[in-house]
Amino acid sequence: MSETNGKSRLDRIEEMIERSEKANEAAHARFEEEDKRLFKANEAAHERFEEEDKRLFTAQILMNGALQKLAGITETLIVTTDKLIVITDKLIIKTDKLVVSMDRLELKMEEATEKLDGLIGTVDGFIRRPGIV
């Protein structure tokens, strides 16, 4: 067997195996540390996700309540608007009747004015006639 630097081939192989085992152990330790770090980071991310999920759920509940309230208000407004339309229609009919009545009244007033003017003319004619009084 040949020797290099005073070591036999078997010694060199054993040294290489030992170095390989140490490198393997160091790599394994680094992987375990990285795995622990990633696990902690994943747990923290999961906790943040759960908190955000809770906030989102709370927001959804609040939004649902607000939407239900808005739906109620909208329904009330629709009913109120329908009532207002009915009242407005009645007001339009009454206003139309009032206009017709005012037109009739205007005609009657014109007739009364004509008759009153005639009466005034007749009375004035009697008063101004000579010899009467």
N, C-alpha and C. Protein backbone atom coordinates (compact mmCIF):
# COMPACT_ATOMS: atom_id res chain seq x y z
N MET A 1 0.83 -1.17 0.00
CA MET A 1 0.00 0.00 0.00
C MET A 1 0.88 1.24 0.00
N SER A 2 0.41 2.21 -0.81
CA SER A 2 1.21 3.42 -0.88
C SER A 2 0.72 4.40 0.16
N GLU A 3 1.62 5.21 0.62
CA GLU A 3 1.26 6.18 1.64
C GLU A 3 1.56 7.57 1.14
N THR A 4 0.67 8.50 1.51
CA THR A 4 0.87 9.90 1.13
C THR A 4 0.88 10.68 2.42
N ASN A 5 1.92 11.50 2.59
CA ASN A 5 2.09 12.30 3.81
C ASN A 5 2.07 11.43 5.05
N GLY A 6 2.49 10.27 4.95
CA GLY A 6 2.58 9.38 6.09
C GLY A 6 1.25 8.79 6.50
N LYS A 7 0.26 8.88 5.67
CA LYS A 7 -1.04 8.32 6.03
C LYS A 7 -1.39 7.26 5.00
N SER A 8 -2.00 6.25 5.52
CA SER A 8 -2.40 5.18 4.63
C SER A 8 -3.69 5.56 3.90
N ARG A 9 -3.96 4.81 2.89
CA ARG A 9 -5.17 5.06 2.11
C ARG A 9 -6.41 4.94 2.99
N LEU A 10 -6.45 3.99 3.85
CA LEU A 10 -7.58 3.79 4.75
C LEU A 10 -7.73 4.98 5.68
N ASP A 11 -6.63 5.53 6.18
CA ASP A 11 -6.69 6.71 7.05
C ASP A 11 -7.28 7.90 6.30
N ARG A 12 -6.81 8.04 5.07
CA ARG A 12 -7.33 9.16 4.26
C ARG A 12 -8.83 9.00 4.01
N ILE A 13 -9.28 7.81 3.72
CA ILE A 13 -10.71 7.55 3.48
C ILE A 13 -11.51 7.83 4.74
N GLU A 14 -10.98 7.38 5.89
CA GLU A 14 -11.66 7.63 7.16
C GLU A 14 -11.76 9.13 7.44
N GLU A 15 -10.67 9.88 7.14
CA GLU A 15 -10.69 11.33 7.33
C GLU A 15 -11.75 11.98 6.43
N MET A 16 -11.79 11.52 5.18
CA MET A 16 -12.78 12.06 4.24
C MET A 16 -14.20 11.76 4.71
N ILE A 17 -14.41 10.58 5.23
CA ILE A 17 -15.73 10.20 5.73
C ILE A 17 -16.07 11.07 6.93
N GLU A 18 -15.09 11.28 7.83
CA GLU A 18 -15.32 12.12 9.01
C GLU A 18 -15.65 13.56 8.59
N ARG A 19 -14.85 14.10 7.63
CA ARG A 19 -15.11 15.47 7.15
C ARG A 19 -16.50 15.54 6.50
N SER A 20 -16.81 14.49 5.76
CA SER A 20 -18.12 14.45 5.10
C SER A 20 -19.24 14.40 6.14
N GLU A 21 -19.04 13.60 7.20
CA GLU A 21 -20.04 13.52 8.26
C GLU A 21 -20.19 14.85 8.97
N LYS A 22 -19.05 15.54 9.24
CA LYS A 22 -19.10 16.83 9.91
C LYS A 22 -19.80 17.87 9.02
N ALA A 23 -19.46 17.83 7.73
CA ALA A 23 -20.11 18.76 6.79
C ALA A 23 -21.60 18.44 6.71
N ASN A 24 -21.89 17.16 6.73
CA ASN A 24 -23.30 16.72 6.70
C ASN A 24 -24.03 17.19 7.95
N GLU A 25 -23.39 17.04 9.12
CA GLU A 25 -23.99 17.46 10.38
C GLU A 25 -24.19 18.98 10.40
N ALA A 26 -23.19 19.71 9.89
CA ALA A 26 -23.30 21.18 9.86
C ALA A 26 -24.43 21.59 8.92
N ALA A 27 -24.49 20.94 7.77
CA ALA A 27 -25.57 21.25 6.82
C ALA A 27 -26.92 20.90 7.43
N HIS A 28 -26.97 19.77 8.11
CA HIS A 28 -28.21 19.35 8.77
C HIS A 28 -28.62 20.36 9.83
N ALA A 29 -27.65 20.84 10.60
CA ALA A 29 -27.94 21.84 11.64
C ALA A 29 -28.45 23.13 11.00
N ARG A 30 -27.80 23.55 9.88
CA ARG A 30 -28.26 24.76 9.18
C ARG A 30 -29.69 24.55 8.65
N PHE A 31 -29.94 23.38 8.09
CA PHE A 31 -31.28 23.09 7.57
C PHE A 31 -32.32 23.09 8.69
N GLU A 32 -31.93 22.53 9.85
CA GLU A 32 -32.87 22.53 10.98
C GLU A 32 -33.15 23.95 11.45
N GLU A 33 -32.09 24.78 11.53
CA GLU A 33 -32.28 26.17 11.93
C GLU A 33 -33.17 26.91 10.93
N GLU A 34 -32.88 26.70 9.65
CA GLU A 34 -33.69 27.34 8.61
C GLU A 34 -35.13 26.84 8.67
N ASP A 35 -35.31 25.55 8.91
CA ASP A 35 -36.65 24.98 9.03
C ASP A 35 -37.40 25.60 10.20
N LYS A 36 -36.70 25.76 11.35
CA LYS A 36 -37.32 26.40 12.52
C LYS A 36 -37.69 27.84 12.21
N ARG A 37 -36.76 28.57 11.54
CA ARG A 37 -37.02 29.97 11.18
C ARG A 37 -38.23 30.07 10.25
N LEU A 38 -38.26 29.20 9.25
CA LEU A 38 -39.38 29.21 8.30
C LEU A 38 -40.69 28.82 9.00
N PHE A 39 -40.59 27.86 9.93
CA PHE A 39 -41.79 27.45 10.67
C PHE A 39 -42.33 28.61 11.49
N LYS A 40 -41.42 29.34 12.19
CA LYS A 40 -41.84 30.50 12.98
C LYS A 40 -42.43 31.59 12.07
N ALA A 41 -41.77 31.82 10.95
CA ALA A 41 -42.27 32.83 10.00
C ALA A 41 -43.65 32.41 9.47
N ASN A 42 -43.81 31.13 9.21
CA ASN A 42 -45.10 30.62 8.72
C ASN A 42 -46.17 30.76 9.80
N GLU A 43 -45.80 30.47 11.05
CA GLU A 43 -46.76 30.62 12.15
C GLU A 43 -47.17 32.09 12.30
N ALA A 44 -46.19 33.00 12.21
CA ALA A 44 -46.48 34.43 12.33
C ALA A 44 -47.38 34.88 11.17
N ALA A 45 -47.08 34.41 9.97
CA ALA A 45 -47.91 34.76 8.81
C ALA A 45 -49.31 34.20 8.98
N HIS A 46 -49.40 33.00 9.51
CA HIS A 46 -50.71 32.38 9.74
C HIS A 46 -51.51 33.17 10.78
N GLU A 47 -50.84 33.61 11.84
CA GLU A 47 -51.52 34.42 12.86
C GLU A 47 -52.00 35.74 12.27
N ARG A 48 -51.14 36.38 11.44
CA ARG A 48 -51.56 37.63 10.78
C ARG A 48 -52.76 37.36 9.87
N PHE A 49 -52.71 36.25 9.17
CA PHE A 49 -53.82 35.89 8.29
C PHE A 49 -55.11 35.70 9.09
N GLU A 50 -55.00 35.00 10.22
CA GLU A 50 -56.19 34.78 11.05
C GLU A 50 -56.74 36.11 11.57
N GLU A 51 -55.85 37.03 11.98
CA GLU A 51 -56.30 38.35 12.46
C GLU A 51 -56.99 39.11 11.33
N GLU A 52 -56.39 39.11 10.15
CA GLU A 52 -56.99 39.79 9.00
C GLU A 52 -58.33 39.15 8.65
N ASP A 53 -58.39 37.83 8.74
CA ASP A 53 -59.63 37.11 8.46
C ASP A 53 -60.72 37.51 9.45
N LYS A 54 -60.34 37.66 10.72
CA LYS A 54 -61.31 38.10 11.74
C LYS A 54 -61.79 39.51 11.44
N ARG A 55 -60.84 40.40 11.07
CA ARG A 55 -61.23 41.78 10.75
C ARG A 55 -62.13 41.82 9.52
N LEU A 56 -61.81 41.00 8.54
CA LEU A 56 -62.63 40.94 7.32
C LEU A 56 -64.03 40.43 7.66
N PHE A 57 -64.11 39.41 8.49
CA PHE A 57 -65.40 38.86 8.89
C PHE A 57 -66.21 39.91 9.64
N THR A 58 -65.55 40.63 10.56
CA THR A 58 -66.22 41.70 11.31
C THR A 58 -66.72 42.78 10.36
N ALA A 59 -65.87 43.15 9.40
CA ALA A 59 -66.27 44.16 8.42
C ALA A 59 -67.46 43.68 7.59
N GLN A 60 -67.46 42.41 7.23
CA GLN A 60 -68.58 41.85 6.46
C GLN A 60 -69.87 41.90 7.28
N ILE A 61 -69.77 41.58 8.56
CA ILE A 61 -70.96 41.62 9.42
C ILE A 61 -71.48 43.05 9.52
N LEU A 62 -70.56 44.01 9.74
CA LEU A 62 -70.97 45.41 9.84
C LEU A 62 -71.56 45.90 8.52
N MET A 63 -70.93 45.51 7.41
CA MET A 63 -71.42 45.94 6.11
C MET A 63 -72.80 45.33 5.83
N ASN A 64 -72.99 44.08 6.23
CA ASN A 64 -74.28 43.43 6.04
C ASN A 64 -75.36 44.17 6.84
N GLY A 65 -75.03 44.54 8.07
CA GLY A 65 -75.98 45.30 8.89
C GLY A 65 -76.31 46.64 8.25
N ALA A 66 -75.28 47.31 7.74
CA ALA A 66 -75.49 48.61 7.10
C ALA A 66 -76.35 48.44 5.84
N LEU A 67 -76.09 47.39 5.09
CA LEU A 67 -76.88 47.15 3.87
C LEU A 67 -78.33 46.85 4.21
N GLN A 68 -78.56 46.09 5.28
CA GLN A 68 -79.94 45.81 5.69
C GLN A 68 -80.64 47.10 6.12
N LYS A 69 -79.92 47.95 6.85
CA LYS A 69 -80.48 49.22 7.28
C LYS A 69 -80.80 50.08 6.05
N LEU A 70 -79.87 50.11 5.10
CA LEU A 70 -80.08 50.87 3.86
C LEU A 70 -81.26 50.32 3.07
N ALA A 71 -81.41 49.00 3.05
CA ALA A 71 -82.54 48.40 2.35
C ALA A 71 -83.86 48.82 3.02
N GLY A 72 -83.87 48.86 4.34
CA GLY A 72 -85.06 49.31 5.06
C GLY A 72 -85.39 50.75 4.76
N ILE A 73 -84.36 51.59 4.78
CA ILE A 73 -84.57 53.02 4.48
C ILE A 73 -85.07 53.18 3.05
N THR A 74 -84.47 52.44 2.13
CA THR A 74 -84.87 52.52 0.72
C THR A 74 -86.32 52.09 0.55
N GLU A 75 -86.70 51.02 1.24
CA GLU A 75 -88.09 50.55 1.16
C GLU A 75 -89.04 51.61 1.71
N THR A 76 -88.67 52.23 2.83
CA THR A 76 -89.49 53.29 3.41
C THR A 76 -89.60 54.46 2.44
N LEU A 77 -88.48 54.81 1.80
CA LEU A 77 -88.50 55.90 0.83
C LEU A 77 -89.39 55.57 -0.37
N ILE A 78 -89.37 54.33 -0.80
CA ILE A 78 -90.22 53.93 -1.93
C ILE A 78 -91.69 54.06 -1.54
N VAL A 79 -92.03 53.57 -0.34
CA VAL A 79 -93.42 53.68 0.12
C VAL A 79 -93.81 55.15 0.25
N THR A 80 -92.93 55.95 0.84
CA THR A 80 -93.20 57.38 1.01
C THR A 80 -93.34 58.06 -0.35
N THR A 81 -92.49 57.70 -1.29
CA THR A 81 -92.56 58.27 -2.63
C THR A 81 -93.87 57.89 -3.31
N ASP A 82 -94.28 56.64 -3.14
CA ASP A 82 -95.57 56.21 -3.71
C ASP A 82 -96.71 57.02 -3.12
N LYS A 83 -96.69 57.24 -1.80
CA LYS A 83 -97.73 58.04 -1.15
C LYS A 83 -97.68 59.48 -1.67
N LEU A 84 -96.49 60.01 -1.83
CA LEU A 84 -96.32 61.37 -2.33
C LEU A 84 -96.87 61.50 -3.76
N ILE A 85 -96.66 60.47 -4.56
CA ILE A 85 -97.20 60.47 -5.93
C ILE A 85 -98.72 60.52 -5.90
N VAL A 86 -99.33 59.71 -5.02
CA VAL A 86 -100.79 59.70 -4.90
C VAL A 86 -101.29 61.08 -4.46
N ILE A 87 -100.64 61.65 -3.46
CA ILE A 87 -101.04 62.97 -2.96
C ILE A 87 -100.87 64.02 -4.06
N THR A 88 -99.76 63.95 -4.79
CA THR A 88 -99.52 64.90 -5.88
C THR A 88 -100.58 64.77 -6.97
N ASP A 89 -100.95 63.54 -7.29
CA ASP A 89 -102.00 63.32 -8.29
C ASP A 89 -103.32 63.95 -7.82
N LYS A 90 -103.66 63.75 -6.55
CA LYS A 90 -104.88 64.33 -6.00
C LYS A 90 -104.80 65.86 -6.05
N LEU A 91 -103.63 66.39 -5.72
CA LEU A 91 -103.44 67.84 -5.74
C LEU A 91 -103.60 68.38 -7.16
N ILE A 92 -103.08 67.67 -8.13
CA ILE A 92 -103.23 68.09 -9.53
C ILE A 92 -104.71 68.13 -9.92
N ILE A 93 -105.46 67.10 -9.54
CA ILE A 93 -106.90 67.05 -9.86
C ILE A 93 -107.62 68.22 -9.19
N LYS A 94 -107.33 68.46 -7.91
CA LYS A 94 -107.98 69.56 -7.19
C LYS A 94 -107.58 70.91 -7.79
N THR A 95 -106.33 71.04 -8.19
CA THR A 95 -105.87 72.28 -8.80
C THR A 95 -106.59 72.51 -10.13
N ASP A 96 -106.74 71.44 -10.91
CA ASP A 96 -107.48 71.55 -12.18
C ASP A 96 -108.92 71.98 -11.92
N LYS A 97 -109.56 71.39 -10.91
CA LYS A 97 -110.95 71.78 -10.57
C LYS A 97 -111.00 73.24 -10.13
N LEU A 98 -109.98 73.67 -9.37
CA LEU A 98 -109.93 75.05 -8.90
C LEU A 98 -109.78 76.01 -10.08
N VAL A 99 -108.97 75.64 -11.05
CA VAL A 99 -108.80 76.47 -12.24
C VAL A 99 -110.12 76.60 -12.99
N VAL A 100 -110.83 75.48 -13.13
CA VAL A 100 -112.13 75.50 -13.82
C VAL A 100 -113.10 76.39 -13.03
N SER A 101 -113.11 76.23 -11.72
CA SER A 101 -114.00 77.05 -10.88
C SER A 101 -113.64 78.52 -10.98
N MET A 102 -112.36 78.83 -11.00
CA MET A 102 -111.94 80.23 -11.12
C MET A 102 -112.33 80.80 -12.48
N ASP A 103 -112.23 79.97 -13.52
CA ASP A 103 -112.67 80.43 -14.85
C ASP A 103 -114.17 80.75 -14.83
N ARG A 104 -114.96 79.88 -14.20
CA ARG A 104 -116.41 80.12 -14.10
C ARG A 104 -116.67 81.40 -13.29
N LEU A 105 -115.93 81.54 -12.20
CA LEU A 105 -116.09 82.72 -11.36
C LEU A 105 -115.74 83.98 -12.15
N GLU A 106 -114.70 83.92 -12.94
CA GLU A 106 -114.32 85.06 -13.77
C GLU A 106 -115.44 85.42 -14.73
N LEU A 107 -116.05 84.41 -15.35
CA LEU A 107 -117.18 84.66 -16.26
C LEU A 107 -118.34 85.30 -15.51
N LYS A 108 -118.65 84.73 -14.34
CA LYS A 108 -119.76 85.27 -13.54
C LYS A 108 -119.47 86.72 -13.13
N MET A 109 -118.19 86.98 -12.76
CA MET A 109 -117.84 88.34 -12.36
C MET A 109 -117.95 89.30 -13.55
N GLU A 110 -117.59 88.83 -14.73
CA GLU A 110 -117.73 89.67 -15.92
C GLU A 110 -119.21 89.97 -16.18
N GLU A 111 -120.05 88.92 -16.04
CA GLU A 111 -121.50 89.12 -16.23
C GLU A 111 -122.04 90.09 -15.19
N ALA A 112 -121.61 89.90 -13.94
CA ALA A 112 -122.09 90.78 -12.86
C ALA A 112 -121.61 92.20 -13.11
N THR A 113 -120.36 92.35 -13.57
CA THR A 113 -119.84 93.69 -13.86
C THR A 113 -120.66 94.35 -14.97
N GLU A 114 -120.97 93.58 -16.01
CA GLU A 114 -121.78 94.14 -17.11
C GLU A 114 -123.15 94.57 -16.60
N LYS A 115 -123.77 93.70 -15.79
CA LYS A 115 -125.10 94.02 -15.27
C LYS A 115 -125.02 95.23 -14.33
N LEU A 116 -123.98 95.27 -13.48
CA LEU A 116 -123.81 96.39 -12.56
C LEU A 116 -123.58 97.68 -13.34
N ASP A 117 -122.77 97.60 -14.40
CA ASP A 117 -122.54 98.78 -15.24
C ASP A 117 -123.87 99.25 -15.86
N GLY A 118 -124.68 98.30 -16.30
CA GLY A 118 -125.99 98.64 -16.85
C GLY A 118 -126.89 99.29 -15.82
N LEU A 119 -126.87 98.71 -14.60
CA LEU A 119 -127.68 99.25 -13.51
C LEU A 119 -127.22 100.66 -13.16
N ILE A 120 -125.90 100.84 -13.07
CA ILE A 120 -125.36 102.17 -12.76
C ILE A 120 -125.78 103.15 -13.84
N GLY A 121 -125.71 102.71 -15.10
CA GLY A 121 -126.12 103.58 -16.20
C GLY A 121 -127.59 103.95 -16.10
N THR A 122 -128.42 102.99 -15.75
CA THR A 122 -129.86 103.25 -15.62
C THR A 122 -130.12 104.21 -14.48
N VAL A 123 -129.53 103.95 -13.31
CA VAL A 123 -129.72 104.81 -12.15
C VAL A 123 -129.18 106.20 -12.47
N ASP A 124 -128.05 106.26 -13.11
CA ASP A 124 -127.47 107.55 -13.47
C ASP A 124 -128.38 108.31 -14.44
N GLY A 125 -129.01 107.56 -15.35
CA GLY A 125 -129.94 108.17 -16.30
C GLY A 125 -131.14 108.75 -15.58
N PHE A 126 -131.64 108.05 -14.55
CA PHE A 126 -132.79 108.56 -13.78
C PHE A 126 -132.39 109.79 -13.01
N ILE A 127 -131.24 109.78 -12.43
CA ILE A 127 -130.78 110.90 -11.61
C ILE A 127 -130.53 112.13 -12.48
N ARG A 128 -129.99 111.98 -13.59
CA ARG A 128 -129.59 113.09 -14.43
C ARG A 128 -130.78 113.60 -15.27
N ARG A 129 -131.84 112.88 -15.31
CA ARG A 129 -133.00 113.30 -16.09
C ARG A 129 -133.59 114.57 -15.46
N PRO A 130 -133.86 115.58 -16.27
CA PRO A 130 -134.39 116.82 -15.70
C PRO A 130 -135.82 116.64 -15.22
N GLY A 131 -136.12 117.25 -14.20
CA GLY A 131 -137.45 117.25 -13.66
C GLY A 131 -137.72 116.15 -12.65
N ILE A 132 -136.80 115.30 -12.50
CA ILE A 132 -137.04 114.23 -11.52
C ILE A 132 -136.29 114.63 -10.26
N VAL A 133 -136.89 114.56 -9.27
CA VAL A 133 -136.39 114.68 -7.91
C VAL A 133 -137.39 115.37 -7.09
